[in-house]
Amino acid sequence: MVLTFGQSQRILPLSSDIYAEMDALYLLKGLGTPSAARPWTINEAQLILERIDSNSIGKQEQALYDSISAEIKKTLRFLPDKIFSFDTHLDIALEAYTHTNQDDFVLNEDWIYGYEDREPLAKISLEIELSSWLYTFTDFQYNRNRYNGKDQFRDVDDADQGIGAVTEFSDSLSFPWHSWAYSRPFTTNIPLGTGEFDFDWPKRANLTVGGGNWNLSIARDRIQWGRGYSGNFVVDGHRDYDEYIRFSAFTKKFKYEWLNVFYSNPETGNSFKFLMAHRVEFRIIPSLVLAASENIMCRSDGINPRYFNPAFFYHNWYDRDNLNSLAHLELDYVPYKGYRLYTQAVIDQILAPWESNSESGAWGILTGVEHVRPALSGILNFSLEFAYTSPMLYRRDLVDFITIGTAQANDAGMNLFLDYTGYPYGGDAMVLQLDASYRLPGSAFIYTRLFGMIHGKMNYFISHNSGGDNKKKVDIISHTPSGGKDEREYTLGASLGGNYAIPQPLSWLKIRVWTELDLIVKGNKLMLSETGIGENIVYHKNGIAADFQFVMGVGVSF
């Protein structure tokens, strides 16, 4: 069946329900995952939906199909002429957060529903579209900051060589070890004064041009490669946003993507850091999808234009001082309708039999099974996933895959936070995650999650070098989980949540409510102190630390 929707370069954000609904529809029809390189444009989503024959689907499948079609058919509300259209929206959300343990769970990282998940109090967005070839989006958010002047910080200086591969900092930068907002027994998303206001906006800013089967974007937005539930190895949507230039070309059986992600760099000097990646995706048969990517992190005082050849084999630049390559493979197979088997593998460093073991291997693997089935008027979804990452994944001397972000607080200056480009738990982790959900397309979503992780000694604050100097090679040879039993962190999490869109007679008005209840239990919990940076890490060794965390919200969109 050929659809007759109009073409559009409008970007569908990762928060859109269209991804989960399209994934479920494909699985019910026995098709391998629709492209896992996301976000999509409307054009690409339309091409993906064209693989589904709307004349041979059941009742629940029809509900998914109709919800997806409605999103694809949307147009901007204001049309001054035949080519130019625009739209503007106001979103208001009120969220409240409470938890029971204010002594041990004192940072954003200690919450399951953390900074990246929390809704801004108010958001104004503007969209502009020119015909079918150009689209731009930007927003303004009034939101609580990641940090504020009431937090307690540790100054970062040249002595802290255990943080990534970064060894030189400005004296004005600092790292939080106790957060006022995230340690309080009760708080909301309402900023109380300019000291709590988040100056880092817009969160989404996208300019994109393209045609029916291609797209070029310059954007600040969330991006993702892969359909892992606990995370993905190259780029992952857990981050607040990434800033990138991306080119995509796609057909019904093939997709090519060239991605360049640029990171903030708080170091002194003029050096900068960016990720260059290219990815090919093949639909070998309708039920089998294979994707492979080659990716390099670059850290340099200047850009060599010859590196920007997307058809080159990046590994062959042989510039160890400035580049670090990472290979990635994804396989997705649907043996029967409703059942999906999937895996991802990533290799940063692997030793040939004739090579010495002066440097540690660095790799990871993720594998899982997913099941979708109709139930009453909705769709049930189950998934079980396991991931293993070696201790030195993402770690290298000179060039690693750790990013150092900055957050400007009006009354606390510029402060640091650390993250991985891909898998949110980094290396040295063993993760098991079980997800279950029930979805009424376009209306309601209920979910539960069980999460378990053993994390070894290797983290942001531990050097990869036996001498504690990140300017030197990765020479610590170990297996996951590394370290002794008192140096390993054990995490168990359980979540139950849901959201519901309240039916409204007005198409331009949306009201929704949501909630989440989390239990997080940690054995030997990592606890930073005022001097707890570098090798001087403090652990909660006196038994188990547990926290009940509760979130409730209501939102109105105009």
Protein backbone atom coordinates (compact mmCIF):
# COMPACT_ATOMS: atom_id res chain seq x y z
CA MET A 1 0.00 0.00 0.00
CA VAL A 2 1.39 3.42 -0.97
CA LEU A 3 0.74 6.31 1.42
CA THR A 4 -0.10 9.77 0.16
CA PHE A 5 1.15 11.93 3.03
CA GLY A 6 3.03 15.14 2.27
CA GLN A 7 6.80 15.28 2.51
CA SER A 8 8.42 17.10 5.43
CA GLN A 9 11.86 17.53 7.01
CA ARG A 10 10.30 17.94 10.47
CA ILE A 11 12.39 16.12 13.08
CA LEU A 12 10.57 13.75 15.43
CA PRO A 13 12.27 14.08 18.86
CA LEU A 14 13.30 10.94 20.73
CA SER A 15 10.60 11.72 23.32
CA SER A 16 7.87 11.14 20.69
CA ASP A 17 5.64 8.07 21.16
CA ILE A 18 6.04 7.29 17.46
CA TYR A 19 9.24 5.31 18.10
CA ALA A 20 7.77 2.91 20.65
CA GLU A 21 4.59 2.55 18.60
CA MET A 22 6.45 1.88 15.34
CA ASP A 23 8.74 -0.62 17.09
CA ALA A 24 5.70 -2.49 18.48
CA LEU A 25 3.90 -2.46 15.13
CA TYR A 26 6.93 -3.86 13.31
CA LEU A 27 7.38 -6.60 15.87
CA LEU A 28 3.71 -7.61 15.69
CA LYS A 29 4.06 -7.89 11.90
CA GLY A 30 7.24 -9.99 12.15
CA LEU A 31 9.54 -7.29 10.77
CA GLY A 32 13.02 -6.42 12.03
CA THR A 33 13.43 -3.15 13.90
CA PRO A 34 12.79 0.06 11.93
CA SER A 35 15.94 2.12 11.70
CA ALA A 36 17.67 2.37 15.10
CA ALA A 37 19.59 5.49 13.99
CA ARG A 38 17.32 8.14 15.47
CA PRO A 39 15.74 10.70 15.43
CA TRP A 40 13.85 10.37 12.16
CA THR A 41 12.36 12.98 9.88
CA ILE A 42 8.72 12.80 8.84
CA ASN A 43 9.93 11.64 5.41
CA GLU A 44 11.82 8.72 6.90
CA ALA A 45 8.96 7.79 9.25
CA GLN A 46 6.61 7.75 6.28
CA LEU A 47 8.96 5.48 4.33
CA ILE A 48 9.19 3.15 7.35
CA LEU A 49 5.40 3.02 7.71
CA GLU A 50 5.01 2.16 4.01
CA ARG A 51 6.35 -1.33 4.73
CA ILE A 52 3.12 -2.06 6.65
CA ASP A 53 0.06 -3.16 4.69
CA SER A 54 -2.82 -1.41 6.46
CA ASN A 55 -5.30 -3.81 4.82
CA SER A 56 -4.04 -6.85 6.76
CA ILE A 57 -3.72 -5.74 10.39
CA GLY A 58 -5.71 -6.52 13.52
CA LYS A 59 -7.58 -4.21 15.87
CA GLN A 60 -4.69 -3.36 18.18
CA GLU A 61 -2.33 -3.08 15.22
CA GLN A 62 -4.79 -0.70 13.61
CA ALA A 63 -4.70 1.52 16.71
CA LEU A 64 -0.91 1.69 16.49
CA TYR A 65 -1.08 2.37 12.75
CA ASP A 66 -3.63 5.15 13.19
CA SER A 67 -1.65 6.82 15.98
CA ILE A 68 1.53 6.78 13.89
CA SER A 69 -0.31 8.04 10.80
CA ALA A 70 -1.82 10.90 12.77
CA GLU A 71 1.64 12.02 13.89
CA ILE A 72 3.04 11.83 10.36
CA LYS A 73 0.10 13.77 8.91
CA LYS A 74 0.48 16.67 11.34
CA THR A 75 1.26 20.03 9.79
CA LEU A 76 2.24 23.34 11.31
CA ARG A 77 -0.86 25.32 12.26
CA PHE A 78 -0.12 28.70 10.65
CA LEU A 79 0.27 28.99 6.87
CA PRO A 80 0.88 32.60 5.69
CA ASP A 81 1.50 31.40 2.14
CA LYS A 82 1.86 28.20 0.12
CA ILE A 83 5.53 27.69 1.00
CA PHE A 84 6.04 29.15 4.47
CA SER A 85 4.37 27.69 7.57
CA PHE A 86 5.13 28.00 11.27
CA ASP A 87 3.88 26.96 14.69
CA THR A 88 4.48 27.90 18.29
CA HIS A 89 3.64 26.01 21.46
CA LEU A 90 3.53 26.69 25.19
CA ASP A 91 4.08 23.73 27.50
CA ILE A 92 3.59 24.11 31.23
CA ALA A 93 4.45 21.27 33.61
CA LEU A 94 4.49 21.03 37.38
CA GLU A 95 6.55 18.20 38.88
CA ALA A 96 7.14 17.30 42.52
CA TYR A 97 9.84 14.97 43.87
CA THR A 98 10.30 13.33 47.24
CA HIS A 99 12.61 10.66 48.64
CA THR A 100 13.32 9.03 51.96
CA ASN A 101 17.14 8.93 52.27
CA GLN A 102 18.69 12.40 52.38
CA ASP A 103 22.01 11.20 53.78
CA ASP A 104 23.22 8.75 51.14
CA PHE A 105 21.36 9.86 47.99
CA VAL A 106 22.54 13.43 47.58
CA LEU A 107 23.36 13.87 43.87
CA ASN A 108 21.48 13.93 40.59
CA GLU A 109 23.22 10.63 39.73
CA ASP A 110 21.61 9.02 42.79
CA TRP A 111 18.10 9.43 41.35
CA ILE A 112 16.54 7.07 38.83
CA TYR A 113 14.38 9.98 37.60
CA GLY A 114 17.16 12.54 37.34
CA TYR A 115 17.94 15.84 35.69
CA GLU A 116 17.67 14.62 32.10
CA ASP A 117 14.21 13.15 32.75
CA ARG A 118 12.67 16.06 34.61
CA GLU A 119 10.27 18.41 32.85
CA PRO A 120 10.84 22.19 32.70
CA LEU A 121 8.27 24.37 34.44
CA ALA A 122 7.59 26.17 31.15
CA LYS A 123 8.74 25.78 27.57
CA ILE A 124 8.02 27.92 24.52
CA SER A 125 8.92 26.42 21.14
CA LEU A 126 8.98 27.79 17.60
CA GLU A 127 8.88 25.73 14.40
CA ILE A 128 9.33 27.01 10.86
CA GLU A 129 8.99 25.02 7.63
CA LEU A 130 9.66 26.06 4.04
CA SER A 131 7.86 23.77 1.62
CA SER A 132 9.15 20.19 1.98
CA TRP A 133 12.88 20.92 2.04
CA LEU A 134 13.70 23.06 5.12
CA TYR A 135 12.69 22.87 8.77
CA THR A 136 13.95 24.60 11.91
CA PHE A 137 13.03 24.28 15.58
CA THR A 138 14.13 26.08 18.74
CA ASP A 139 12.84 26.40 22.28
CA PHE A 140 13.15 28.43 25.48
CA GLN A 141 12.86 26.64 28.80
CA TYR A 142 12.29 27.93 32.31
CA ASN A 143 13.79 25.13 34.32
CA ARG A 144 15.60 24.25 37.54
CA ASN A 145 19.36 24.13 37.08
CA ARG A 146 21.50 21.04 37.48
CA TYR A 147 23.45 22.90 40.24
CA ASN A 148 23.06 26.00 42.39
CA GLY A 149 25.02 28.02 44.95
CA LYS A 150 23.69 25.93 47.83
CA ASP A 151 25.52 22.87 46.53
CA GLN A 152 28.90 21.84 47.94
CA PHE A 153 31.73 21.67 45.43
CA ARG A 154 35.25 20.34 45.20
CA ASP A 155 37.69 22.48 43.21
CA VAL A 156 39.34 20.65 40.33
CA ASP A 157 43.02 21.30 39.66
CA ASP A 158 46.01 19.78 37.91
CA ALA A 159 46.47 17.17 40.64
CA ASP A 160 43.22 15.41 39.73
CA GLN A 161 44.55 13.23 36.95
CA GLY A 162 42.08 10.44 37.63
CA ILE A 163 39.24 12.20 35.82
CA GLY A 164 39.14 10.88 32.28
CA ALA A 165 42.13 11.81 30.16
CA VAL A 166 41.85 15.47 31.16
CA THR A 167 44.78 16.79 33.15
CA GLU A 168 44.61 20.57 32.88
CA PHE A 169 41.75 22.67 34.23
CA SER A 170 41.02 26.29 34.86
CA ASP A 171 41.01 27.12 38.57
CA SER A 172 37.42 28.40 38.26
CA LEU A 173 35.99 24.92 37.58
CA SER A 174 34.59 22.66 40.30
CA PHE A 175 32.79 19.37 40.77
CA PRO A 176 29.78 18.84 43.13
CA TRP A 177 29.89 16.25 45.90
CA HIS A 178 26.63 17.24 47.65
CA SER A 179 23.56 18.71 45.90
CA TRP A 180 21.04 20.85 47.74
CA ALA A 181 18.13 20.09 45.39
CA TYR A 182 18.69 16.35 45.05
CA SER A 183 19.27 15.74 48.76
CA ARG A 184 16.13 17.55 49.99
CA PRO A 185 13.18 15.45 51.21
CA PHE A 186 10.81 17.38 48.92
CA THR A 187 11.30 19.70 45.98
CA THR A 188 9.66 20.75 42.72
CA ASN A 189 10.70 21.88 39.25
CA ILE A 190 9.96 25.52 40.15
CA PRO A 191 13.21 27.55 40.25
CA LEU A 192 13.33 29.78 43.32
CA GLY A 193 15.29 32.78 42.09
CA THR A 194 17.94 33.19 39.40
CA GLY A 195 20.40 31.04 41.36
CA GLU A 196 18.32 27.96 40.52
CA PHE A 197 17.50 28.91 36.93
CA ASP A 198 18.94 26.72 34.15
CA PHE A 199 20.79 29.00 31.73
CA ASP A 200 21.61 26.12 29.37
CA TRP A 201 18.93 26.55 26.71
CA PRO A 202 17.64 25.91 24.12
CA LYS A 203 17.67 22.16 24.74
CA ARG A 204 16.58 21.57 21.14
CA ALA A 205 17.78 23.72 18.25
CA ASN A 206 17.60 22.10 14.84
CA LEU A 207 18.11 23.33 11.30
CA THR A 208 17.56 20.65 8.70
CA VAL A 209 17.31 20.49 4.91
CA GLY A 210 16.65 17.53 2.68
CA GLY A 211 14.63 15.67 0.10
CA GLY A 212 12.50 12.57 -0.04
CA ASN A 213 15.33 10.14 0.85
CA TRP A 214 18.00 12.29 2.48
CA ASN A 215 18.49 14.81 5.24
CA LEU A 216 21.23 17.12 6.55
CA SER A 217 20.92 18.53 10.07
CA ILE A 218 22.84 20.97 12.24
CA ALA A 219 21.36 20.43 15.65
CA ARG A 220 21.37 20.44 19.41
CA ASP A 221 19.13 17.51 20.22
CA ARG A 222 19.07 14.01 21.68
CA ILE A 223 20.38 11.34 19.34
CA GLN A 224 20.60 7.56 19.53
CA TRP A 225 22.10 4.63 17.65
CA GLY A 226 20.64 1.31 18.75
CA ARG A 227 17.58 -0.04 20.52
CA GLY A 228 19.04 -1.16 23.83
CA TYR A 229 16.78 -0.68 26.85
CA SER A 230 19.60 -0.10 29.33
CA GLY A 231 21.64 1.97 26.89
CA ASN A 232 23.60 1.95 23.62
CA PHE A 233 27.32 1.89 23.00
CA VAL A 234 28.14 4.69 20.53
CA VAL A 235 25.63 7.50 21.08
CA ASP A 236 22.73 7.17 23.49
CA GLY A 237 19.62 9.21 24.27
CA HIS A 238 20.28 9.31 28.03
CA ARG A 239 22.21 12.57 27.59
CA ASP A 240 20.46 15.92 27.96
CA TYR A 241 21.43 16.71 24.37
CA ASP A 242 24.24 16.38 21.85
CA GLU A 243 25.42 19.03 19.41
CA TYR A 244 26.04 17.60 15.98
CA ILE A 245 26.08 17.74 12.21
CA ARG A 246 24.42 14.69 10.66
CA PHE A 247 23.76 13.47 7.13
CA SER A 248 21.31 10.60 6.51
CA ALA A 249 20.29 8.82 3.31
CA PHE A 250 17.72 6.04 3.40
CA THR A 251 15.62 3.65 1.37
CA LYS A 252 13.31 0.83 2.39
CA LYS A 253 16.26 -1.60 2.69
CA PHE A 254 19.29 0.57 3.42
CA LYS A 255 20.37 3.55 5.49
CA TYR A 256 23.63 5.47 5.65
CA GLU A 257 24.44 8.02 8.33
CA TRP A 258 27.43 10.31 8.84
CA LEU A 259 27.54 11.92 12.27
CA ASN A 260 29.84 14.52 13.86
CA VAL A 261 29.21 15.32 17.54
CA PHE A 262 30.95 18.28 19.18
CA TYR A 263 31.55 18.50 22.94
CA SER A 264 32.12 21.39 25.30
CA ASN A 265 35.70 21.55 26.56
CA PRO A 266 36.48 23.27 29.85
CA GLU A 267 40.23 22.73 29.53
CA THR A 268 42.70 25.54 29.25
CA GLY A 269 44.18 26.20 25.82
CA ASN A 270 42.47 25.89 22.45
CA SER A 271 42.00 22.12 22.18
CA PHE A 272 38.57 20.65 21.45
CA LYS A 273 36.92 17.25 21.31
CA PHE A 274 34.48 15.74 18.81
CA LEU A 275 33.17 12.38 17.66
CA MET A 276 33.20 11.41 13.98
CA ALA A 277 31.08 8.39 13.11
CA HIS A 278 29.61 6.68 10.04
CA ARG A 279 27.02 3.93 10.06
CA VAL A 280 25.47 1.60 7.48
CA GLU A 281 22.25 -0.32 8.10
CA PHE A 282 20.95 -3.17 5.92
CA ARG A 283 17.56 -4.89 5.95
CA ILE A 284 18.90 -8.20 4.66
CA ILE A 285 15.49 -9.88 4.76
CA PRO A 286 12.30 -8.38 6.23
CA SER A 287 12.97 -9.94 9.65
CA LEU A 288 16.75 -9.39 9.84
CA VAL A 289 18.53 -6.04 10.23
CA LEU A 290 22.30 -5.60 10.42
CA ALA A 291 24.06 -2.32 11.22
CA ALA A 292 27.76 -1.51 11.56
CA SER A 293 29.55 1.70 12.42
CA GLU A 294 33.08 2.97 12.73
CA ASN A 295 33.66 5.86 15.11
CA ILE A 296 36.60 7.98 16.20
CA MET A 297 36.99 10.45 19.03
CA CYS A 298 39.19 13.39 18.07
CA ARG A 299 41.03 15.68 20.49
CA SER A 300 43.23 18.33 18.91
CA ASP A 301 44.23 21.98 18.82
CA GLY A 302 42.97 22.26 15.25
CA ILE A 303 40.86 20.46 12.70
CA ASN A 304 42.59 18.64 9.86
CA PRO A 305 40.10 18.84 6.97
CA ARG A 306 41.23 15.51 5.55
CA TYR A 307 39.66 13.73 8.53
CA PHE A 308 36.21 14.79 7.29
CA ASN A 309 36.06 12.19 4.51
CA PRO A 310 33.04 10.06 5.51
CA ALA A 311 33.99 7.29 3.06
CA PHE A 312 37.45 6.79 4.58
CA PHE A 313 38.28 3.89 6.91
CA TYR A 314 38.84 5.93 10.08
CA HIS A 315 41.08 3.35 11.77
CA ASN A 316 43.67 3.94 9.05
CA TRP A 317 44.46 7.54 10.00
CA TYR A 318 47.09 6.17 12.42
CA ASP A 319 47.17 9.35 14.52
CA ARG A 320 47.27 7.93 18.03
CA ASP A 321 47.98 11.27 19.71
CA ASN A 322 44.75 12.81 18.43
CA LEU A 323 42.37 9.95 17.51
CA ASN A 324 40.84 6.89 19.14
CA SER A 325 38.70 4.52 17.06
CA LEU A 326 35.70 2.48 18.18
CA ALA A 327 34.01 -0.25 16.10
CA HIS A 328 30.35 -1.17 16.61
CA LEU A 329 27.97 -3.86 15.33
CA GLU A 330 24.20 -4.35 15.79
CA LEU A 331 22.09 -7.38 14.85
CA ASP A 332 18.30 -7.53 15.14
CA TYR A 333 16.27 -10.62 14.24
CA VAL A 334 12.55 -11.48 14.52
CA PRO A 335 12.25 -15.31 14.28
CA TYR A 336 8.47 -15.24 14.90
CA LYS A 337 5.87 -12.51 14.97
CA GLY A 338 6.02 -10.78 18.33
CA TYR A 339 9.53 -12.02 19.28
CA ARG A 340 12.78 -10.13 18.79
CA LEU A 341 16.37 -11.17 19.45
CA TYR A 342 19.01 -8.45 19.39
CA THR A 343 22.64 -7.79 20.21
CA GLN A 344 25.22 -5.02 20.09
CA ALA A 345 29.00 -5.34 20.27
CA VAL A 346 31.61 -2.60 20.58
CA ILE A 347 35.40 -2.84 20.39
CA ASP A 348 37.74 -0.05 21.44
CA GLN A 349 40.91 -2.10 21.86
CA ILE A 350 41.48 -5.74 20.95
CA LEU A 351 44.78 -7.58 20.96
CA ALA A 352 45.98 -9.79 18.14
CA PRO A 353 47.74 -13.01 19.20
CA TRP A 354 51.14 -11.59 18.25
CA GLU A 355 50.68 -8.31 20.16
CA SER A 356 51.89 -7.68 23.71
CA ASN A 357 49.47 -7.13 26.56
CA SER A 358 50.97 -3.78 27.52
CA GLU A 359 47.52 -2.28 27.02
CA SER A 360 44.26 -3.69 28.31
CA GLY A 361 41.49 -4.82 25.96
CA ALA A 362 38.40 -2.62 25.84
CA TRP A 363 35.06 -3.92 24.56
CA GLY A 364 31.41 -4.47 25.43
CA ILE A 365 28.46 -6.66 24.47
CA LEU A 366 24.72 -6.23 24.96
CA THR A 367 22.10 -8.86 24.16
CA GLY A 368 18.40 -9.23 24.79
CA VAL A 369 15.02 -10.68 23.91
CA GLU A 370 11.76 -8.75 23.47
CA HIS A 371 8.15 -9.88 23.18
CA VAL A 372 5.11 -7.85 22.13
CA ARG A 373 1.51 -9.07 22.09
CA PRO A 374 -2.01 -7.58 21.88
CA ALA A 375 -3.99 -7.44 25.15
CA LEU A 376 -7.53 -6.06 25.41
CA SER A 377 -7.43 -2.69 23.62
CA GLY A 378 -3.68 -2.20 23.97
CA ILE A 379 -0.22 -3.70 23.56
CA LEU A 380 1.87 -5.59 26.12
CA ASN A 381 5.65 -5.39 25.83
CA PHE A 382 8.31 -7.42 27.68
CA SER A 383 12.10 -7.30 27.37
CA LEU A 384 15.05 -8.90 29.15
CA GLU A 385 18.51 -7.51 28.51
CA PHE A 386 22.06 -8.23 29.67
CA ALA A 387 25.13 -6.05 29.10
CA TYR A 388 28.80 -6.56 29.88
CA THR A 389 31.48 -3.88 29.50
CA SER A 390 35.18 -4.43 30.13
CA PRO A 391 36.88 -2.17 32.71
CA MET A 392 38.76 -0.05 30.17
CA LEU A 393 35.95 0.54 27.69
CA TYR A 394 35.86 4.26 26.77
CA ARG A 395 39.25 4.84 28.50
CA ARG A 396 42.48 5.72 26.71
CA ASP A 397 45.45 7.97 27.31
CA LEU A 398 45.24 11.32 25.51
CA VAL A 399 41.91 10.56 23.80
CA ASP A 400 39.03 8.85 25.59
CA PHE A 401 35.24 8.66 25.27
CA ILE A 402 34.45 10.56 28.47
CA THR A 403 32.86 13.97 28.02
CA ILE A 404 33.16 16.84 30.48
CA GLY A 405 30.10 19.06 30.45
CA THR A 406 29.70 22.42 32.12
CA ALA A 407 26.71 23.93 33.89
CA GLN A 408 26.52 27.67 34.56
CA ALA A 409 24.86 28.52 37.86
CA ASN A 410 24.17 32.21 38.48
CA ASP A 411 25.38 32.06 42.10
CA ALA A 412 27.90 29.20 41.79
CA GLY A 413 29.87 29.87 38.62
CA MET A 414 30.83 27.19 36.11
CA ASN A 415 30.74 23.59 37.35
CA LEU A 416 31.57 20.19 35.89
CA PHE A 417 29.64 17.03 35.23
CA LEU A 418 30.97 13.89 33.57
CA ASP A 419 29.35 11.50 31.13
CA TYR A 420 30.05 8.81 28.57
CA THR A 421 29.26 9.31 24.90
CA GLY A 422 27.49 5.96 24.77
CA TYR A 423 26.57 3.41 27.43
CA PRO A 424 25.45 5.40 30.50
CA TYR A 425 27.27 3.13 33.01
CA GLY A 426 30.56 3.11 31.14
CA GLY A 427 33.03 0.27 31.43
CA ASP A 428 33.47 -2.28 34.21
CA ALA A 429 29.74 -3.01 34.45
CA MET A 430 27.50 -6.07 34.38
CA VAL A 431 23.85 -5.06 33.90
CA LEU A 432 20.63 -7.08 33.86
CA GLN A 433 17.37 -5.24 33.11
CA LEU A 434 13.77 -6.47 32.83
CA ASP A 435 11.11 -4.16 31.37
CA ALA A 436 7.36 -4.64 31.04
CA SER A 437 4.78 -2.15 29.77
CA TYR A 438 1.21 -1.78 28.60
CA ARG A 439 0.34 0.85 25.99
CA LEU A 440 -2.94 2.27 24.75
CA PRO A 441 -1.77 4.06 21.57
CA GLY A 442 -2.09 7.82 21.85
CA SER A 443 -3.66 7.61 25.30
CA ALA A 444 -1.91 5.83 28.19
CA PHE A 445 1.29 4.05 29.07
CA ILE A 446 2.05 1.96 32.18
CA TYR A 447 5.50 0.51 32.79
CA THR A 448 7.63 -1.34 35.31
CA ARG A 449 11.35 -2.01 35.38
CA LEU A 450 13.77 -4.14 37.38
CA PHE A 451 17.44 -3.21 37.15
CA GLY A 452 20.52 -4.89 38.61
CA MET A 453 24.15 -3.90 38.19
CA ILE A 454 27.54 -4.87 39.54
CA HIS A 455 30.07 -2.13 38.83
CA GLY A 456 33.78 -2.67 39.37
CA LYS A 457 36.34 -0.25 40.69
CA MET A 458 36.82 1.57 37.39
CA ASN A 459 34.84 4.82 37.22
CA TYR A 460 35.30 8.48 36.30
CA PHE A 461 37.63 9.11 39.23
CA ILE A 462 40.04 6.21 38.88
CA SER A 463 43.06 6.47 36.58
CA HIS A 464 43.49 3.87 33.86
CA ASN A 465 47.24 3.88 34.46
CA SER A 466 48.99 1.92 37.23
CA GLY A 467 50.98 5.03 38.10
CA GLY A 468 47.87 7.21 38.29
CA ASP A 469 48.84 9.31 35.27
CA ASN A 470 46.29 9.47 32.42
CA LYS A 471 48.93 10.85 30.08
CA LYS A 472 50.36 7.34 30.09
CA LYS A 473 48.92 4.17 28.54
CA VAL A 474 46.11 1.97 29.79
CA ASP A 475 48.20 -0.68 31.49
CA ILE A 476 45.82 -2.04 34.14
CA ILE A 477 44.82 -5.56 33.09
CA SER A 478 41.63 -6.71 34.82
CA HIS A 479 38.23 -8.28 34.30
CA THR A 480 34.73 -7.08 35.11
CA PRO A 481 34.01 -6.46 37.92
CA SER A 482 37.48 -5.17 38.79
CA GLY A 483 38.82 -4.43 42.25
CA GLY A 484 38.15 -6.13 45.56
CA LYS A 485 34.68 -6.69 46.96
CA ASP A 486 34.92 -3.45 48.98
CA GLU A 487 35.65 -1.48 45.79
CA ARG A 488 32.64 -2.73 43.82
CA GLU A 489 29.26 -1.06 43.80
CA TYR A 490 26.06 -3.12 43.71
CA THR A 491 22.79 -1.56 42.52
CA LEU A 492 19.24 -2.86 42.49
CA GLY A 493 16.43 -0.68 41.15
CA ALA A 494 12.70 -1.21 40.79
CA SER A 495 10.38 1.27 39.04
CA LEU A 496 6.64 1.54 38.50
CA GLY A 497 5.16 4.43 36.55
CA GLY A 498 2.65 5.62 34.03
CA ASN A 499 1.31 8.57 32.09
CA TYR A 500 -2.12 9.39 30.77
CA ALA A 501 -3.35 11.92 28.21
CA ILE A 502 -6.71 13.29 29.33
CA PRO A 503 -9.16 13.44 26.40
CA GLN A 504 -9.91 17.03 25.34
CA PRO A 505 -12.53 18.45 22.95
CA LEU A 506 -9.99 20.93 21.56
CA SER A 507 -7.33 19.54 19.22
CA TRP A 508 -4.81 22.24 20.20
CA LEU A 509 -5.10 21.58 23.96
CA LYS A 510 -3.41 18.61 25.66
CA ILE A 511 -3.45 17.74 29.35
CA ARG A 512 -1.53 14.81 30.74
CA VAL A 513 -0.54 13.42 34.13
CA TRP A 514 2.31 11.10 35.05
CA THR A 515 3.94 9.47 38.04
CA GLU A 516 6.85 7.19 38.92
CA LEU A 517 7.76 5.30 42.08
CA ASP A 518 11.33 4.02 42.39
CA LEU A 519 13.18 1.92 44.90
CA ILE A 520 16.95 1.99 44.63
CA VAL A 521 19.21 -0.14 46.81
CA LYS A 522 23.00 0.12 46.76
CA GLY A 523 25.58 -2.06 48.41
CA ASN A 524 28.97 -0.44 49.02
CA LYS A 525 27.65 2.81 47.61
CA LEU A 526 30.15 5.25 46.13
CA MET A 527 30.16 8.39 48.29
CA LEU A 528 32.21 11.44 47.36
CA SER A 529 33.44 13.83 50.01
CA GLU A 530 35.06 17.24 49.89
CA THR A 531 38.39 15.49 49.29
CA GLY A 532 36.90 12.46 47.52
CA ILE A 533 38.31 13.04 44.04
CA GLY A 534 41.11 11.04 42.44
CA GLU A 535 42.13 7.92 44.35
CA ASN A 536 40.61 9.12 47.65
CA ILE A 537 37.11 7.76 47.09
CA VAL A 538 34.86 7.15 50.07
CA TYR A 539 32.53 4.13 50.01
CA HIS A 540 29.45 3.46 52.10
CA LYS A 541 30.79 0.22 53.54
CA ASN A 542 28.44 -0.09 56.51
CA GLY A 543 25.80 -2.28 54.93
CA ILE A 544 23.18 -1.26 52.40
CA ALA A 545 21.90 2.19 51.44
CA ALA A 546 18.30 2.35 50.15
CA ASP A 547 16.00 5.10 48.96
CA PHE A 548 12.34 5.35 47.94
CA GLN A 549 11.89 8.04 45.29
CA PHE A 550 8.54 9.38 44.11
CA VAL A 551 7.70 11.71 41.22
CA MET A 552 4.35 13.16 40.21
CA GLY A 553 3.56 15.63 37.44
CA VAL A 554 0.84 17.32 35.44
CA GLY A 555 1.32 19.15 32.16
CA VAL A 556 -0.68 21.36 29.82
CA SER A 557 0.27 22.04 26.20
CA PHE A 558 -1.22 24.75 23.99
